[in-house]
């Protein structure tokens, strides 16, 4: 048994149902592509957060989805101007890969933003 934000108990069957609902929402959102780099980045950040939140998220299918998200992210990062959204996407990608170059890129974006 777990406890919800309001302190009331959340039972395993409820938790499983919530997890399945999140999985379905992410699957639907995964099919969406942004009409602009900013919209695509918002979708990707949301998907990374959704997949990170899911319980029992360790499957080869999810690994493929995360790789697809990373590939889409690398494409959109090249098109995004320096912004908080770009920083969020860089951090999500770093969390998945541990690639230090992403942190270096983040530092560069923050430097550019501080000049603005």
PDB file of N, CA and C in Angstrom:
ATOM      1  N   UNK A   1       0.842  -1.169   0.000  1.00  0.00           N
ATOM      2  CA  UNK A   1       0.000   0.000   0.000  1.00  0.00           C
ATOM      3  C   UNK A   1       0.893   1.239   0.000  1.00  0.00           C
ATOM      4  N   UNK A   2       0.514   2.208  -0.792  1.00  0.00           N
ATOM      5  CA  UNK A   2       1.196   3.498  -0.874  1.00  0.00           C
ATOM      6  C   UNK A   2       0.214   4.574  -0.432  1.00  0.00           C
ATOM      7  N   UNK A   3       0.729   5.782  -0.260  1.00  0.00           N
ATOM      8  CA  UNK A   3      -0.132   6.893   0.112  1.00  0.00           C
ATOM      9  C   UNK A   3      -0.097   7.959  -0.962  1.00  0.00           C
ATOM     10  N   UNK A   4      -1.267   8.509  -1.277  1.00  0.00           N
ATOM     11  CA  UNK A   4      -1.380   9.553  -2.280  1.00  0.00           C
ATOM     12  C   UNK A   4      -0.961  10.901  -1.731  1.00  0.00           C
ATOM     13  N   UNK A   5      -1.018  11.911  -2.586  1.00  0.00           N
ATOM     14  CA  UNK A   5      -0.627  13.268  -2.199  1.00  0.00           C
ATOM     15  C   UNK A   5      -1.454  13.793  -1.035  1.00  0.00           C
ATOM     16  N   UNK A   6      -2.697  13.369  -0.936  1.00  0.00           N
ATOM     17  CA  UNK A   6      -3.561  13.859   0.140  1.00  0.00           C
ATOM     18  C   UNK A   6      -3.483  12.983   1.390  1.00  0.00           C
ATOM     19  N   UNK A   7      -2.584  12.000   1.403  1.00  0.00           N
ATOM     20  CA  UNK A   7      -2.388  11.156   2.571  1.00  0.00           C
ATOM     21  C   UNK A   7      -3.310   9.958   2.648  1.00  0.00           C
ATOM     22  N   UNK A   8      -4.233   9.830   1.704  1.00  0.00           N
ATOM     23  CA  UNK A   8      -5.125   8.672   1.710  1.00  0.00           C
ATOM     24  C   UNK A   8      -4.425   7.484   1.063  1.00  0.00           C
ATOM     25  N   UNK A   9      -4.778   6.292   1.487  1.00  0.00           N
ATOM     26  CA  UNK A   9      -4.114   5.113   0.924  1.00  0.00           C
ATOM     27  C   UNK A   9      -4.450   4.899  -0.553  1.00  0.00           C
ATOM     28  N   UNK A  10      -3.450   4.481  -1.299  1.00  0.00           N
ATOM     29  CA  UNK A  10      -3.625   4.101  -2.698  1.00  0.00           C
ATOM     30  C   UNK A  10      -3.244   2.627  -2.774  1.00  0.00           C
ATOM     31  N   UNK A  11      -4.193   1.800  -3.110  1.00  0.00           N
ATOM     32  CA  UNK A  11      -3.959   0.367  -3.126  1.00  0.00           C
ATOM     33  C   UNK A  11      -3.331  -0.070  -4.441  1.00  0.00           C
ATOM     34  N   UNK A  12      -2.746  -1.242  -4.445  1.00  0.00           N
ATOM     35  CA  UNK A  12      -1.999  -1.747  -5.591  1.00  0.00           C
ATOM     36  C   UNK A  12      -2.841  -1.740  -6.861  1.00  0.00           C
ATOM     37  N   UNK A  13      -4.094  -2.145  -6.775  1.00  0.00           N
ATOM     38  CA  UNK A  13      -4.925  -2.175  -7.982  1.00  0.00           C
ATOM     39  C   UNK A  13      -5.156  -0.764  -8.526  1.00  0.00           C
ATOM     40  N   UNK A  14      -5.280   0.228  -7.639  1.00  0.00           N
ATOM     41  CA  UNK A  14      -5.419   1.618  -8.087  1.00  0.00           C
ATOM     42  C   UNK A  14      -4.122   2.100  -8.728  1.00  0.00           C
ATOM     43  N   UNK A  15      -3.013   1.751  -8.107  1.00  0.00           N
ATOM     44  CA  UNK A  15      -1.704   2.142  -8.624  1.00  0.00           C
ATOM     45  C   UNK A  15      -1.469   1.519  -9.994  1.00  0.00           C
ATOM     46  N   UNK A  16      -1.847   0.270 -10.143  1.00  0.00           N
ATOM     47  CA  UNK A  16      -1.715  -0.411 -11.431  1.00  0.00           C
ATOM     48  C   UNK A  16      -2.582   0.265 -12.487  1.00  0.00           C
ATOM     49  N   UNK A  17      -3.794   0.639 -12.122  1.00  0.00           N
ATOM     50  CA  UNK A  17      -4.699   1.311 -13.063  1.00  0.00           C
ATOM     51  C   UNK A  17      -4.141   2.677 -13.467  1.00  0.00           C
ATOM     52  N   UNK A  18      -3.614   3.423 -12.505  1.00  0.00           N
ATOM     53  CA  UNK A  18      -3.019   4.729 -12.813  1.00  0.00           C
ATOM     54  C   UNK A  18      -1.802   4.573 -13.718  1.00  0.00           C
ATOM     55  N   UNK A  19      -0.998   3.563 -13.445  1.00  0.00           N
ATOM     56  CA  UNK A  19       0.179   3.306 -14.266  1.00  0.00           C
ATOM     57  C   UNK A  19      -0.234   2.951 -15.699  1.00  0.00           C
ATOM     58  N   UNK A  20      -1.280   2.149 -15.842  1.00  0.00           N
ATOM     59  CA  UNK A  20      -1.767   1.777 -17.174  1.00  0.00           C
ATOM     60  C   UNK A  20      -2.323   2.990 -17.906  1.00  0.00           C
ATOM     61  N   UNK A  21      -3.019   3.855 -17.184  1.00  0.00           N
ATOM     62  CA  UNK A  21      -3.544   5.079 -17.799  1.00  0.00           C
ATOM     63  C   UNK A  21      -2.393   5.957 -18.292  1.00  0.00           C
ATOM     64  N   UNK A  22      -1.352   6.083 -17.483  1.00  0.00           N
ATOM     65  CA  UNK A  22      -0.179   6.859 -17.893  1.00  0.00           C
ATOM     66  C   UNK A  22       0.474   6.233 -19.121  1.00  0.00           C
ATOM     67  N   UNK A  23       0.583   4.919 -19.135  1.00  0.00           N
ATOM     68  CA  UNK A  23       1.165   4.214 -20.284  1.00  0.00           C
ATOM     69  C   UNK A  23       0.350   4.496 -21.558  1.00  0.00           C
ATOM     70  N   UNK A  24      -0.967   4.461 -21.445  1.00  0.00           N
ATOM     71  CA  UNK A  24      -1.834   4.731 -22.603  1.00  0.00           C
ATOM     72  C   UNK A  24      -1.703   6.173 -23.078  1.00  0.00           C
ATOM     73  N   UNK A  25      -1.662   7.114 -22.138  1.00  0.00           N
ATOM     74  CA  UNK A  25      -1.504   8.524 -22.504  1.00  0.00           C
ATOM     75  C   UNK A  25      -0.171   8.754 -23.210  1.00  0.00           C
ATOM     76  N   UNK A  26       0.886   8.139 -22.702  1.00  0.00           N
ATOM     77  CA  UNK A  26       2.205   8.281 -23.334  1.00  0.00           C
ATOM     78  C   UNK A  26       2.212   7.652 -24.724  1.00  0.00           C
ATOM     79  N   UNK A  27       1.568   6.509 -24.864  1.00  0.00           N
ATOM     80  CA  UNK A  27       1.512   5.850 -26.178  1.00  0.00           C
ATOM     81  C   UNK A  27       0.793   6.735 -27.190  1.00  0.00           C
ATOM     82  N   UNK A  28      -0.283   7.383 -26.766  1.00  0.00           N
ATOM     83  CA  UNK A  28      -1.001   8.299 -27.659  1.00  0.00           C
ATOM     84  C   UNK A  28      -0.143   9.509 -28.011  1.00  0.00           C
ATOM     85  N   UNK A  29       0.525  10.074 -27.013  1.00  0.00           N
ATOM     86  CA  UNK A  29       1.354  11.261 -27.242  1.00  0.00           C
ATOM     87  C   UNK A  29       2.572  10.936 -28.100  1.00  0.00           C
ATOM     88  N   UNK A  30       3.072   9.722 -27.989  1.00  0.00           N
ATOM     89  CA  UNK A  30       4.236   9.303 -28.769  1.00  0.00           C
ATOM     90  C   UNK A  30       3.971   9.409 -30.269  1.00  0.00           C
ATOM     91  N   UNK A  31       2.736   9.257 -30.667  1.00  0.00           N
ATOM     92  CA  UNK A  31       2.371   9.334 -32.084  1.00  0.00           C
ATOM     93  C   UNK A  31       2.316  10.776 -32.595  1.00  0.00           C
ATOM     94  N   UNK A  32       2.313  11.727 -31.681  1.00  0.00           N
ATOM     95  CA  UNK A  32       2.210  13.136 -32.062  1.00  0.00           C
ATOM     96  C   UNK A  32       3.586  13.702 -32.412  1.00  0.00           C
ATOM     97  N   UNK A  33       3.599  14.584 -33.393  1.00  0.00           N
ATOM     98  CA  UNK A  33       4.814  15.315 -33.763  1.00  0.00           C
ATOM     99  C   UNK A  33       4.481  16.796 -33.682  1.00  0.00           C
ATOM    100  N   UNK A  34       5.389  17.574 -33.134  1.00  0.00           N
ATOM    101  CA  UNK A  34       5.152  19.001 -33.025  1.00  0.00           C
ATOM    102  C   UNK A  34       5.206  19.692 -34.374  1.00  0.00           C
ATOM    103  N   UNK A  35       4.418  20.749 -34.508  1.00  0.00           N
ATOM    104  CA  UNK A  35       4.418  21.518 -35.753  1.00  0.00           C
ATOM    105  C   UNK A  35       5.567  22.520 -35.797  1.00  0.00           C
ATOM    106  N   UNK A  36       6.195  22.753 -34.670  1.00  0.00           N
ATOM    107  CA  UNK A  36       7.357  23.643 -34.595  1.00  0.00           C
ATOM    108  C   UNK A  36       8.393  22.968 -33.699  1.00  0.00           C
ATOM    109  N   UNK A  37       9.645  23.414 -33.752  1.00  0.00           N
ATOM    110  CA  UNK A  37      10.647  22.828 -32.852  1.00  0.00           C
ATOM    111  C   UNK A  37      10.246  22.959 -31.381  1.00  0.00           C
ATOM    112  N   UNK A  38       9.650  24.082 -31.019  1.00  0.00           N
ATOM    113  CA  UNK A  38       9.247  24.292 -29.630  1.00  0.00           C
ATOM    114  C   UNK A  38       8.149  23.313 -29.213  1.00  0.00           C
ATOM    115  N   UNK A  39       7.171  23.122 -30.079  1.00  0.00           N
ATOM    116  CA  UNK A  39       6.089  22.185 -29.773  1.00  0.00           C
ATOM    117  C   UNK A  39       6.619  20.754 -29.697  1.00  0.00           C
ATOM    118  N   UNK A  40       7.511  20.397 -30.596  1.00  0.00           N
ATOM    119  CA  UNK A  40       8.115  19.057 -30.567  1.00  0.00           C
ATOM    120  C   UNK A  40       8.898  18.863 -29.271  1.00  0.00           C
ATOM    121  N   UNK A  41       9.644  19.876 -28.858  1.00  0.00           N
ATOM    122  CA  UNK A  41      10.416  19.782 -27.617  1.00  0.00           C
ATOM    123  C   UNK A  41       9.494  19.618 -26.413  1.00  0.00           C
ATOM    124  N   UNK A  42       8.380  20.337 -26.387  1.00  0.00           N
ATOM    125  CA  UNK A  42       7.423  20.194 -25.283  1.00  0.00           C
ATOM    126  C   UNK A  42       6.866  18.774 -25.226  1.00  0.00           C
ATOM    127  N   UNK A  43       6.551  18.212 -26.373  1.00  0.00           N
ATOM    128  CA  UNK A  43       6.060  16.831 -26.432  1.00  0.00           C
ATOM    129  C   UNK A  43       7.128  15.880 -25.894  1.00  0.00           C
ATOM    130  N   UNK A  44       8.367  16.071 -26.322  1.00  0.00           N
ATOM    131  CA  UNK A  44       9.452  15.178 -25.909  1.00  0.00           C
ATOM    132  C   UNK A  44       9.718  15.267 -24.411  1.00  0.00           C
ATOM    133  N   UNK A  45       9.760  16.471 -23.861  1.00  0.00           N
ATOM    134  CA  UNK A  45       9.979  16.630 -22.417  1.00  0.00           C
ATOM    135  C   UNK A  45       8.856  15.926 -21.652  1.00  0.00           C
ATOM    136  N   UNK A  46       7.627  16.110 -22.099  1.00  0.00           N
ATOM    137  CA  UNK A  46       6.482  15.468 -21.450  1.00  0.00           C
ATOM    138  C   UNK A  46       6.595  13.945 -21.519  1.00  0.00           C
ATOM    139  N   UNK A  47       6.991  13.426 -22.674  1.00  0.00           N
ATOM    140  CA  UNK A  47       7.136  11.974 -22.817  1.00  0.00           C
ATOM    141  C   UNK A  47       8.250  11.426 -21.932  1.00  0.00           C
ATOM    142  N   UNK A  48       9.396  12.108 -21.888  1.00  0.00           N
ATOM    143  CA  UNK A  48      10.472  11.656 -20.998  1.00  0.00           C
ATOM    144  C   UNK A  48       9.967  11.595 -19.557  1.00  0.00           C
ATOM    145  N   UNK A  49       9.267  12.625 -19.124  1.00  0.00           N
ATOM    146  CA  UNK A  49       8.754  12.647 -17.751  1.00  0.00           C
ATOM    147  C   UNK A  49       7.727  11.534 -17.536  1.00  0.00           C
ATOM    148  N   UNK A  50       6.875  11.312 -18.521  1.00  0.00           N
ATOM    149  CA  UNK A  50       5.885  10.247 -18.410  1.00  0.00           C
ATOM    150  C   UNK A  50       6.527   8.877 -18.288  1.00  0.00           C
ATOM    151  N   UNK A  51       7.496   8.600 -19.148  1.00  0.00           N
ATOM    152  CA  UNK A  51       8.153   7.290 -19.099  1.00  0.00           C
ATOM    153  C   UNK A  51       8.988   7.129 -17.834  1.00  0.00           C
ATOM    154  N   UNK A  52       9.546   8.224 -17.326  1.00  0.00           N
ATOM    155  CA  UNK A  52      10.296   8.150 -16.065  1.00  0.00           C
ATOM    156  C   UNK A  52       9.379   7.857 -14.884  1.00  0.00           C
ATOM    157  N   UNK A  53       8.136   8.306 -14.970  1.00  0.00           N
ATOM    158  CA  UNK A  53       7.186   8.160 -13.874  1.00  0.00           C
ATOM    159  C   UNK A  53       6.572   6.767 -13.808  1.00  0.00           C
ATOM    160  N   UNK A  54       6.498   6.095 -14.940  1.00  0.00           N
ATOM    161  CA  UNK A  54       5.856   4.776 -14.973  1.00  0.00           C
ATOM    162  C   UNK A  54       6.570   3.777 -14.072  1.00  0.00           C
ATOM    163  N   UNK A  55       5.758   2.952 -13.433  1.00  0.00           N
ATOM    164  CA  UNK A  55       6.302   1.870 -12.619  1.00  0.00           C
ATOM    165  C   UNK A  55       6.625   0.684 -13.513  1.00  0.00           C
ATOM    166  N   UNK A  56       7.604  -0.081 -13.131  1.00  0.00           N
ATOM    167  CA  UNK A  56       7.973  -1.288 -13.860  1.00  0.00           C
ATOM    168  C   UNK A  56       8.232  -0.966 -15.328  1.00  0.00           C
ATOM    169  N   UNK A  57       9.067   0.026 -15.549  1.00  0.00           N
ATOM    170  CA  UNK A  57       9.303   0.584 -16.877  1.00  0.00           C
ATOM    171  C   UNK A  57      10.530  -0.030 -17.548  1.00  0.00           C
ATOM    172  N   UNK A  58      10.935  -1.209 -17.139  1.00  0.00           N
ATOM    173  CA  UNK A  58      12.164  -1.797 -17.653  1.00  0.00           C
ATOM    174  C   UNK A  58      11.844  -2.906 -18.643  1.00  0.00           C
ATOM    175  N   UNK A  59      11.635  -2.530 -19.897  1.00  0.00           N
ATOM    176  CA  UNK A  59      11.387  -3.528 -20.932  1.00  0.00           C
ATOM    177  C   UNK A  59      12.117  -3.106 -22.196  1.00  0.00           C
ATOM    178  N   UNK A  60      12.333  -4.058 -23.083  1.00  0.00           N
ATOM    179  CA  UNK A  60      13.020  -3.728 -24.332  1.00  0.00           C
ATOM    180  C   UNK A  60      12.172  -2.774 -25.170  1.00  0.00           C
ATOM    181  N   UNK A  61      10.848  -2.881 -25.073  1.00  0.00           N
ATOM    182  CA  UNK A  61       9.969  -1.957 -25.805  1.00  0.00           C
ATOM    183  C   UNK A  61      10.174  -0.527 -25.311  1.00  0.00           C
ATOM    184  N   UNK A  62      10.243  -0.355 -23.998  1.00  0.00           N
ATOM    185  CA  UNK A  62      10.455   0.986 -23.453  1.00  0.00           C
ATOM    186  C   UNK A  62      11.842   1.514 -23.794  1.00  0.00           C
ATOM    187  N   UNK A  63      12.831   0.642 -23.838  1.00  0.00           N
ATOM    188  CA  UNK A  63      14.174   1.069 -24.247  1.00  0.00           C
ATOM    189  C   UNK A  63      14.153   1.579 -25.682  1.00  0.00           C
ATOM    190  N   UNK A  64      13.389   0.920 -26.542  1.00  0.00           N
ATOM    191  CA  UNK A  64      13.263   1.372 -27.933  1.00  0.00           C
ATOM    192  C   UNK A  64      12.566   2.725 -28.000  1.00  0.00           C
ATOM    193  N   UNK A  65      11.547   2.905 -27.177  1.00  0.00           N
ATOM    194  CA  UNK A  65      10.829   4.182 -27.147  1.00  0.00           C
ATOM    195  C   UNK A  65      11.763   5.289 -26.680  1.00  0.00           C
ATOM    196  N   UNK A  66      12.516   5.036 -25.623  1.00  0.00           N
ATOM    197  CA  UNK A  66      13.455   6.045 -25.113  1.00  0.00           C
ATOM    198  C   UNK A  66      14.480   6.384 -26.183  1.00  0.00           C
ATOM    199  N   UNK A  67      14.964   5.391 -26.918  1.00  0.00           N
ATOM    200  CA  UNK A  67      15.924   5.662 -27.992  1.00  0.00           C
ATOM    201  C   UNK A  67      15.278   6.517 -29.079  1.00  0.00           C
ATOM    202  N   UNK A  68      14.023   6.233 -29.404  1.00  0.00           N
ATOM    203  CA  UNK A  68      13.305   7.056 -30.387  1.00  0.00           C
ATOM    204  C   UNK A  68      13.187   8.498 -29.887  1.00  0.00           C
ATOM    205  N   UNK A  69      12.874   8.653 -28.602  1.00  0.00           N
ATOM    206  CA  UNK A  69      12.774  10.000 -28.027  1.00  0.00           C
ATOM    207  C   UNK A  69      14.117  10.719 -28.074  1.00  0.00           C
ATOM    208  N   UNK A  70      15.185   9.993 -27.787  1.00  0.00           N
ATOM    209  CA  UNK A  70      16.525  10.595 -27.855  1.00  0.00           C
ATOM    210  C   UNK A  70      16.860  11.016 -29.279  1.00  0.00           C
ATOM    211  N   UNK A  71      16.538  10.178 -30.248  1.00  0.00           N
ATOM    212  CA  UNK A  71      16.800  10.517 -31.654  1.00  0.00           C
ATOM    213  C   UNK A  71      16.013  11.759 -32.064  1.00  0.00           C
ATOM    214  N   UNK A  72      14.744  11.792 -31.701  1.00  0.00           N
ATOM    215  CA  UNK A  72      13.923  12.970 -32.011  1.00  0.00           C
ATOM    216  C   UNK A  72      14.475  14.209 -31.309  1.00  0.00           C
ATOM    217  N   UNK A  73      14.952  14.027 -30.089  1.00  0.00           N
ATOM    218  CA  UNK A  73      15.491  15.153 -29.321  1.00  0.00           C
ATOM    219  C   UNK A  73      16.730  15.737 -29.971  1.00  0.00           C
ATOM    220  N   UNK A  74      17.625  14.871 -30.438  1.00  0.00           N
ATOM    221  CA  UNK A  74      18.853  15.368 -31.062  1.00  0.00           C
ATOM    222  C   UNK A  74      18.528  16.205 -32.297  1.00  0.00           C
ATOM    223  N   UNK A  75      17.506  15.799 -33.030  1.00  0.00           N
ATOM    224  CA  UNK A  75      17.094  16.548 -34.218  1.00  0.00           C
ATOM    225  C   UNK A  75      16.539  17.916 -33.832  1.00  0.00           C
ATOM    226  N   UNK A  76      15.685  17.945 -32.829  1.00  0.00           N
ATOM    227  CA  UNK A  76      15.033  19.205 -32.462  1.00  0.00           C
ATOM    228  C   UNK A  76      15.972  20.133 -31.694  1.00  0.00           C
ATOM    229  N   UNK A  77      16.919  19.582 -30.940  1.00  0.00           N
ATOM    230  CA  UNK A  77      17.845  20.435 -30.188  1.00  0.00           C
ATOM    231  C   UNK A  77      18.644  21.347 -31.108  1.00  0.00           C
ATOM    232  N   UNK A  78      18.969  20.853 -32.297  1.00  0.00           N
ATOM    233  CA  UNK A  78      19.724  21.664 -33.257  1.00  0.00           C
ATOM    234  C   UNK A  78      18.922  22.870 -33.733  1.00  0.00           C
ATOM    235  N   UNK A  79      17.604  22.776 -33.668  1.00  0.00           N
ATOM    236  CA  UNK A  79      16.730  23.826 -34.200  1.00  0.00           C
ATOM    237  C   UNK A  79      16.245  24.803 -33.135  1.00  0.00           C
ATOM    238  N   UNK A  80      16.368  24.429 -31.866  1.00  0.00           N
ATOM    239  CA  UNK A  80      15.836  25.269 -30.795  1.00  0.00           C
ATOM    240  C   UNK A  80      16.780  26.418 -30.460  1.00  0.00           C
ATOM    241  N   UNK A  81      16.230  27.605 -30.249  1.00  0.00           N
ATOM    242  CA  UNK A  81      17.062  28.701 -29.752  1.00  0.00           C
ATOM    243  C   UNK A  81      17.350  28.483 -28.261  1.00  0.00           C
ATOM    244  N   UNK A  82      18.286  29.243 -27.738  1.00  0.00           N
ATOM    245  CA  UNK A  82      18.583  29.176 -26.307  1.00  0.00           C
ATOM    246  C   UNK A  82      17.319  29.541 -25.529  1.00  0.00           C
ATOM    247  N   UNK A  83      16.879  28.633 -24.670  1.00  0.00           N
ATOM    248  CA  UNK A  83      15.640  28.852 -23.917  1.00  0.00           C
ATOM    249  C   UNK A  83      15.576  27.871 -22.751  1.00  0.00           C
ATOM    250  N   UNK A  84      14.656  28.140 -21.856  1.00  0.00           N
ATOM    251  CA  UNK A  84      14.419  27.215 -20.741  1.00  0.00           C
ATOM    252  C   UNK A  84      13.991  25.853 -21.285  1.00  0.00           C
ATOM    253  N   UNK A  85      13.175  25.854 -22.326  1.00  0.00           N
ATOM    254  CA  UNK A  85      12.712  24.599 -22.928  1.00  0.00           C
ATOM    255  C   UNK A  85      13.889  23.779 -23.449  1.00  0.00           C
ATOM    256  N   UNK A  86      14.840  24.431 -24.086  1.00  0.00           N
ATOM    257  CA  UNK A  86      16.022  23.718 -24.579  1.00  0.00           C
ATOM    258  C   UNK A  86      16.803  23.129 -23.406  1.00  0.00           C
ATOM    259  N   UNK A  87      16.912  23.886 -22.316  1.00  0.00           N
ATOM    260  CA  UNK A  87      17.594  23.380 -21.119  1.00  0.00           C
ATOM    261  C   UNK A  87      16.879  22.155 -20.557  1.00  0.00           C
ATOM    262  N   UNK A  88      15.548  22.210 -20.508  1.00  0.00           N
ATOM    263  CA  UNK A  88      14.776  21.068 -20.002  1.00  0.00           C
ATOM    264  C   UNK A  88      15.021  19.824 -20.848  1.00  0.00           C
ATOM    265  N   UNK A  89      15.017  19.994 -22.158  1.00  0.00           N
ATOM    266  CA  UNK A  89      15.211  18.849 -23.046  1.00  0.00           C
ATOM    267  C   UNK A  89      16.631  18.304 -22.922  1.00  0.00           C
ATOM    268  N   UNK A  90      17.611  19.182 -22.814  1.00  0.00           N
ATOM    269  CA  UNK A  90      18.992  18.728 -22.611  1.00  0.00           C
ATOM    270  C   UNK A  90      19.112  17.927 -21.319  1.00  0.00           C
ATOM    271  N   UNK A  91      18.476  18.394 -20.258  1.00  0.00           N
ATOM    272  CA  UNK A  91      18.528  17.675 -18.980  1.00  0.00           C
ATOM    273  C   UNK A  91      17.841  16.315 -19.060  1.00  0.00           C
ATOM    274  N   UNK A  92      16.709  16.256 -19.742  1.00  0.00           N
ATOM    275  CA  UNK A  92      16.019  14.969 -19.905  1.00  0.00           C
ATOM    276  C   UNK A  92      16.897  13.982 -20.675  1.00  0.00           C
ATOM    277  N   UNK A  93      17.544  14.468 -21.722  1.00  0.00           N
ATOM    278  CA  UNK A  93      18.436  13.600 -22.510  1.00  0.00           C
ATOM    279  C   UNK A  93      19.634  13.154 -21.675  1.00  0.00           C
ATOM    280  N   UNK A  94      20.182  14.068 -20.885  1.00  0.00           N
ATOM    281  CA  UNK A  94      21.306  13.712 -20.018  1.00  0.00           C
ATOM    282  C   UNK A  94      20.888  12.648 -19.007  1.00  0.00           C
ATOM    283  N   UNK A  95      19.705  12.808 -18.445  1.00  0.00           N
ATOM    284  CA  UNK A  95      19.219  11.834 -17.465  1.00  0.00           C
ATOM    285  C   UNK A  95      19.150  10.431 -18.068  1.00  0.00           C
ATOM    286  N   UNK A  96      18.803  10.340 -19.341  1.00  0.00           N
ATOM    287  CA  UNK A  96      18.689   9.043 -20.008  1.00  0.00           C
ATOM    288  C   UNK A  96      20.038   8.470 -20.415  1.00  0.00           C
ATOM    289  N   UNK A  97      20.989   9.337 -20.774  1.00  0.00           N
ATOM    290  CA  UNK A  97      22.241   8.857 -21.368  1.00  0.00           C
ATOM    291  C   UNK A  97      23.464   9.017 -20.479  1.00  0.00           C
ATOM    292  N   UNK A  98      23.464  10.031 -19.621  1.00  0.00           N
ATOM    293  CA  UNK A  98      24.654  10.336 -18.834  1.00  0.00           C
ATOM    294  C   UNK A  98      25.760  10.967 -19.668  1.00  0.00           C
ATOM    295  N   UNK A  99      25.433  11.416 -20.867  1.00  0.00           N
ATOM    296  CA  UNK A  99      26.411  12.000 -21.795  1.00  0.00           C
ATOM    297  C   UNK A  99      26.812  13.396 -21.321  1.00  0.00           C
ATOM    298  N   UNK A 100      28.066  13.537 -20.917  1.00  0.00           N
ATOM    299  CA  UNK A 100      28.571  14.807 -20.381  1.00  0.00           C
ATOM    300  C   UNK A 100      28.527  15.940 -21.404  1.00  0.00           C
ATOM    301  N   UNK A 101      28.558  15.617 -22.695  1.00  0.00           N
ATOM    302  CA  UNK A 101      28.481  16.663 -23.722  1.00  0.00           C
ATOM    303  C   UNK A 101      27.163  17.425 -23.631  1.00  0.00           C
ATOM    304  N   UNK A 102      26.131  16.764 -23.187  1.00  0.00           N
ATOM    305  CA  UNK A 102      24.839  17.429 -23.031  1.00  0.00           C
ATOM    306  C   UNK A 102      24.897  18.478 -21.925  1.00  0.00           C
ATOM    307  N   UNK A 103      25.640  18.195 -20.874  1.00  0.00           N
ATOM    308  CA  UNK A 103      25.805  19.167 -19.789  1.00  0.00           C
ATOM    309  C   UNK A 103      26.635  20.349 -20.274  1.00  0.00           C
ATOM    310  N   UNK A 104      27.644  20.072 -21.090  1.00  0.00           N
ATOM    311  CA  UNK A 104      28.433  21.154 -21.685  1.00  0.00           C
ATOM    312  C   UNK A 104      27.535  22.034 -22.548  1.00  0.00           C
ATOM    313  N   UNK A 105      26.681  21.414 -23.347  1.00  0.00           N
ATOM    314  CA  UNK A 105      25.733  22.166 -24.177  1.00  0.00           C
ATOM    315  C   UNK A 105      24.787  22.984 -23.311  1.00  0.00           C
ATOM    316  N   UNK A 106      24.356  22.402 -22.212  1.00  0.00           N
ATOM    317  CA  UNK A 106      23.472  23.104 -21.293  1.00  0.00           C
ATOM    318  C   UNK A 106      24.161  24.354 -20.751  1.00  0.00           C
ATOM    319  N   UNK A 107      25.423  24.211 -20.374  1.00  0.00           N
ATOM    320  CA  UNK A 107      26.184  25.365 -19.892  1.00  0.00           C
ATOM    321  C   UNK A 107      26.268  26.462 -20.939  1.00  0.00           C
ATOM    322  N   UNK A 108      26.476  26.067 -22.184  1.00  0.00           N
ATOM    323  CA  UNK A 108      26.539  27.037 -23.284  1.00  0.00           C
ATOM    324  C   UNK A 108      25.208  27.761 -23.439  1.00  0.00           C
ATOM    325  N   UNK A 109      24.117  27.016 -23.386  1.00  0.00           N
ATOM    326  CA  UNK A 109      22.787  27.623 -23.507  1.00  0.00           C
ATOM    327  C   UNK A 109      22.550  28.602 -22.360  1.00  0.00           C
ATOM    328  N   UNK A 110      22.916  28.207 -21.150  1.00  0.00           N
ATOM    329  CA  UNK A 110      22.733  29.090 -19.999  1.00  0.00           C
ATOM    330  C   UNK A 110      23.572  30.356 -20.136  1.00  0.00           C
ATOM    331  N   UNK A 111      24.794  30.217 -20.656  1.00  0.00           N
ATOM    332  CA  UNK A 111      25.638  31.392 -20.886  1.00  0.00           C
ATOM    333  C   UNK A 111      24.976  32.347 -21.873  1.00  0.00           C
ATOM    334  N   UNK A 112      24.453  31.804 -22.957  1.00  0.00           N
ATOM    335  CA  UNK A 112      23.782  32.634 -23.968  1.00  0.00           C
ATOM    336  C   UNK A 112      22.557  33.312 -23.354  1.00  0.00           C
ATOM    337  N   UNK A 113      21.814  32.573 -22.545  1.00  0.00           N
ATOM    338  CA  UNK A 113      20.613  33.142 -21.932  1.00  0.00           C
ATOM    339  C   UNK A 113      20.961  34.249 -20.946  1.00  0.00           C
ATOM    340  N   UNK A 114      22.091  34.141 -20.269  1.00  0.00           N
ATOM    341  CA  UNK A 114      22.466  35.177 -19.300  1.00  0.00           C
ATOM    342  C   UNK A 114      22.874  36.471 -19.995  1.00  0.00           C
ATOM    343  N   UNK A 115      23.301  36.379 -21.248  1.00  0.00           N
ATOM    344  CA  UNK A 115      23.685  37.557 -22.030  1.00  0.00           C
ATOM    345  C   UNK A 115      22.440  38.267 -22.546  1.00  0.00           C
ATOM    346  N   UNK A 116      21.383  37.503 -22.787  1.00  0.00           N
ATOM    347  CA  UNK A 116      20.160  38.056 -23.393  1.00  0.00           C
ATOM    348  C   UNK A 116      19.499  39.077 -22.513  1.00  0.00           C
TER     349      UNK A 116
END
